[in-house]
Amino acid sequence: LVATVRAHGLVPGRDLPIVAVCPNAFAQQHPVSITNIDPLAEQCSTVAVNKLYALLDGKASGPVRDVIEPELQRRESTAHPYTATLRA
């Protein structure tokens, strides 16, 4: 998406805000760092494996679901003053 936006002469964060669901490391490697929500793959995998082992060992208690809250990481792709007013 970023490459396509730039190929059309637009600047992410100035002409078009971009927010992605991707790992933080990926979002930071672009010339214009991308505002993102990290899907927290490692944390989700750890919780899933722990729940699985608890079920297999007969030690599972409580809900089978856990909530892992991702955080929005604001970066350059939403840095334009117009998009800053939308943050409130």
C-alpha atoms as a PDB file:
ATOM      1  CA  LEU A   1       0.000   0.000   0.000  1.00  0.00           C
ATOM      2  CA  VAL A   2       2.766   2.426   0.911  1.00  0.00           C
ATOM      3  CA  ALA A   3       4.592   1.748  -2.358  1.00  0.00           C
ATOM      4  CA  THR A   4       1.399   2.310  -4.363  1.00  0.00           C
ATOM      5  CA  VAL A   5       0.639   5.550  -2.549  1.00  0.00           C
ATOM      6  CA  ARG A   6       4.175   6.807  -3.170  1.00  0.00           C
ATOM      7  CA  ALA A   7       4.073   5.680  -6.821  1.00  0.00           C
ATOM      8  CA  HIS A   8       1.094   7.980  -7.309  1.00  0.00           C
ATOM      9  CA  GLY A   9       3.066  10.928  -5.931  1.00  0.00           C
ATOM     10  CA  LEU A  10       1.349  10.979  -2.564  1.00  0.00           C
ATOM     11  CA  VAL A  11       3.117  11.183   0.786  1.00  0.00           C
ATOM     12  CA  PRO A  12       1.822   8.887   3.546  1.00  0.00           C
ATOM     13  CA  GLY A  13       0.963  10.951   6.591  1.00  0.00           C
ATOM     14  CA  ARG A  14       0.678  14.165   4.607  1.00  0.00           C
ATOM     15  CA  ASP A  15      -1.689  13.317   1.755  1.00  0.00           C
ATOM     16  CA  LEU A  16      -3.185  10.120   3.105  1.00  0.00           C
ATOM     17  CA  PRO A  17      -3.154   8.645   6.607  1.00  0.00           C
ATOM     18  CA  ILE A  18      -2.247   4.959   6.734  1.00  0.00           C
ATOM     19  CA  VAL A  19      -2.893   2.584   9.631  1.00  0.00           C
ATOM     20  CA  ALA A  20      -1.960  -1.095   9.328  1.00  0.00           C
ATOM     21  CA  VAL A  21      -2.345  -4.294  11.315  1.00  0.00           C
ATOM     22  CA  CYS A  22       1.235  -5.569  11.270  1.00  0.00           C
ATOM     23  CA  PRO A  23       4.165  -6.182  13.615  1.00  0.00           C
ATOM     24  CA  ASN A  24       5.918  -3.104  15.006  1.00  0.00           C
ATOM     25  CA  ALA A  25       9.232  -4.091  13.399  1.00  0.00           C
ATOM     26  CA  PHE A  26       7.601  -4.185   9.946  1.00  0.00           C
ATOM     27  CA  ALA A  27       5.867  -0.838  10.495  1.00  0.00           C
ATOM     28  CA  GLN A  28       9.130   0.873  11.430  1.00  0.00           C
ATOM     29  CA  GLN A  29      11.206  -0.348   8.465  1.00  0.00           C
ATOM     30  CA  HIS A  30       9.566   1.875   5.837  1.00  0.00           C
ATOM     31  CA  PRO A  31      10.882   5.308   4.772  1.00  0.00           C
ATOM     32  CA  VAL A  32       7.744   6.756   6.387  1.00  0.00           C
ATOM     33  CA  SER A  33       7.096   4.723   9.513  1.00  0.00           C
ATOM     34  CA  ILE A  34       3.588   3.281   9.561  1.00  0.00           C
ATOM     35  CA  THR A  35       1.046   3.792  12.318  1.00  0.00           C
ATOM     36  CA  ASN A  36       0.068   0.279  13.295  1.00  0.00           C
ATOM     37  CA  ILE A  37      -1.682  -2.125  15.583  1.00  0.00           C
ATOM     38  CA  ASP A  38       0.592  -5.072  16.329  1.00  0.00           C
ATOM     39  CA  PRO A  39      -1.375  -8.358  16.305  1.00  0.00           C
ATOM     40  CA  LEU A  40       0.825  -9.595  19.183  1.00  0.00           C
ATOM     41  CA  ALA A  41       1.426 -12.982  17.604  1.00  0.00           C
ATOM     42  CA  GLU A  42       3.933 -14.154  20.229  1.00  0.00           C
ATOM     43  CA  GLN A  43       1.676 -13.296  23.166  1.00  0.00           C
ATOM     44  CA  CYS A  44      -1.351 -14.903  21.494  1.00  0.00           C
ATOM     45  CA  SER A  45       0.637 -18.064  20.747  1.00  0.00           C
ATOM     46  CA  THR A  46       1.904 -18.282  24.329  1.00  0.00           C
ATOM     47  CA  VAL A  47      -1.599 -17.947  25.769  1.00  0.00           C
ATOM     48  CA  ALA A  48      -2.948 -20.544  23.316  1.00  0.00           C
ATOM     49  CA  VAL A  49      -0.239 -23.094  24.106  1.00  0.00           C
ATOM     50  CA  ASN A  50      -0.655 -22.581  27.865  1.00  0.00           C
ATOM     51  CA  LYS A  51      -4.422 -23.077  27.543  1.00  0.00           C
ATOM     52  CA  LEU A  52      -3.910 -26.208  25.455  1.00  0.00           C
ATOM     53  CA  TYR A  53      -1.525 -27.755  27.981  1.00  0.00           C
ATOM     54  CA  ALA A  54      -3.907 -26.904  30.829  1.00  0.00           C
ATOM     55  CA  LEU A  55      -6.746 -28.621  28.950  1.00  0.00           C
ATOM     56  CA  LEU A  56      -4.605 -31.690  28.200  1.00  0.00           C
ATOM     57  CA  ASP A  57      -3.505 -31.922  31.842  1.00  0.00           C
ATOM     58  CA  GLY A  58      -7.083 -31.558  33.090  1.00  0.00           C
ATOM     59  CA  LYS A  59      -6.151 -28.370  34.943  1.00  0.00           C
ATOM     60  CA  ALA A  60      -8.169 -25.950  32.853  1.00  0.00           C
ATOM     61  CA  SER A  61     -10.431 -23.664  34.816  1.00  0.00           C
ATOM     62  CA  GLY A  62     -12.268 -20.536  33.906  1.00  0.00           C
ATOM     63  CA  PRO A  63     -12.951 -19.253  30.420  1.00  0.00           C
ATOM     64  CA  VAL A  64     -11.219 -20.688  27.394  1.00  0.00           C
ATOM     65  CA  ARG A  65     -10.824 -17.168  25.984  1.00  0.00           C
ATOM     66  CA  ASP A  66      -8.381 -14.512  27.120  1.00  0.00           C
ATOM     67  CA  VAL A  67      -8.256 -10.918  25.989  1.00  0.00           C
ATOM     68  CA  ILE A  68      -4.923  -9.580  24.812  1.00  0.00           C
ATOM     69  CA  GLU A  69      -5.269  -5.882  24.090  1.00  0.00           C
ATOM     70  CA  PRO A  70      -3.131  -4.559  21.251  1.00  0.00           C
ATOM     71  CA  GLU A  71      -2.074  -0.916  21.257  1.00  0.00           C
ATOM     72  CA  LEU A  72      -2.119   1.613  18.472  1.00  0.00           C
ATOM     73  CA  GLN A  73       1.418   2.869  17.757  1.00  0.00           C
ATOM     74  CA  ARG A  74       1.196   6.326  16.192  1.00  0.00           C
ATOM     75  CA  ARG A  75       3.948   7.057  13.700  1.00  0.00           C
ATOM     76  CA  GLU A  76       4.694   9.233  10.688  1.00  0.00           C
ATOM     77  CA  SER A  77       1.978   7.789   8.437  1.00  0.00           C
ATOM     78  CA  THR A  78      -0.632   9.651  10.519  1.00  0.00           C
ATOM     79  CA  ALA A  79       1.519  12.627  11.518  1.00  0.00           C
ATOM     80  CA  HIS A  80      -0.104  15.364   9.429  1.00  0.00           C
ATOM     81  CA  PRO A  81      -1.756  18.131  11.507  1.00  0.00           C
ATOM     82  CA  TYR A  82      -5.161  17.223  10.029  1.00  0.00           C
ATOM     83  CA  THR A  83      -4.962  13.650  11.295  1.00  0.00           C
ATOM     84  CA  ALA A  84      -3.681  14.888  14.659  1.00  0.00           C
ATOM     85  CA  THR A  85      -7.027  16.639  15.189  1.00  0.00           C
ATOM     86  CA  LEU A  86      -8.801  13.308  14.713  1.00  0.00           C
ATOM     87  CA  ARG A  87      -7.028  11.760  17.714  1.00  0.00           C
ATOM     88  CA  ALA A  88      -9.185  13.396  20.361  1.00  0.00           C
END
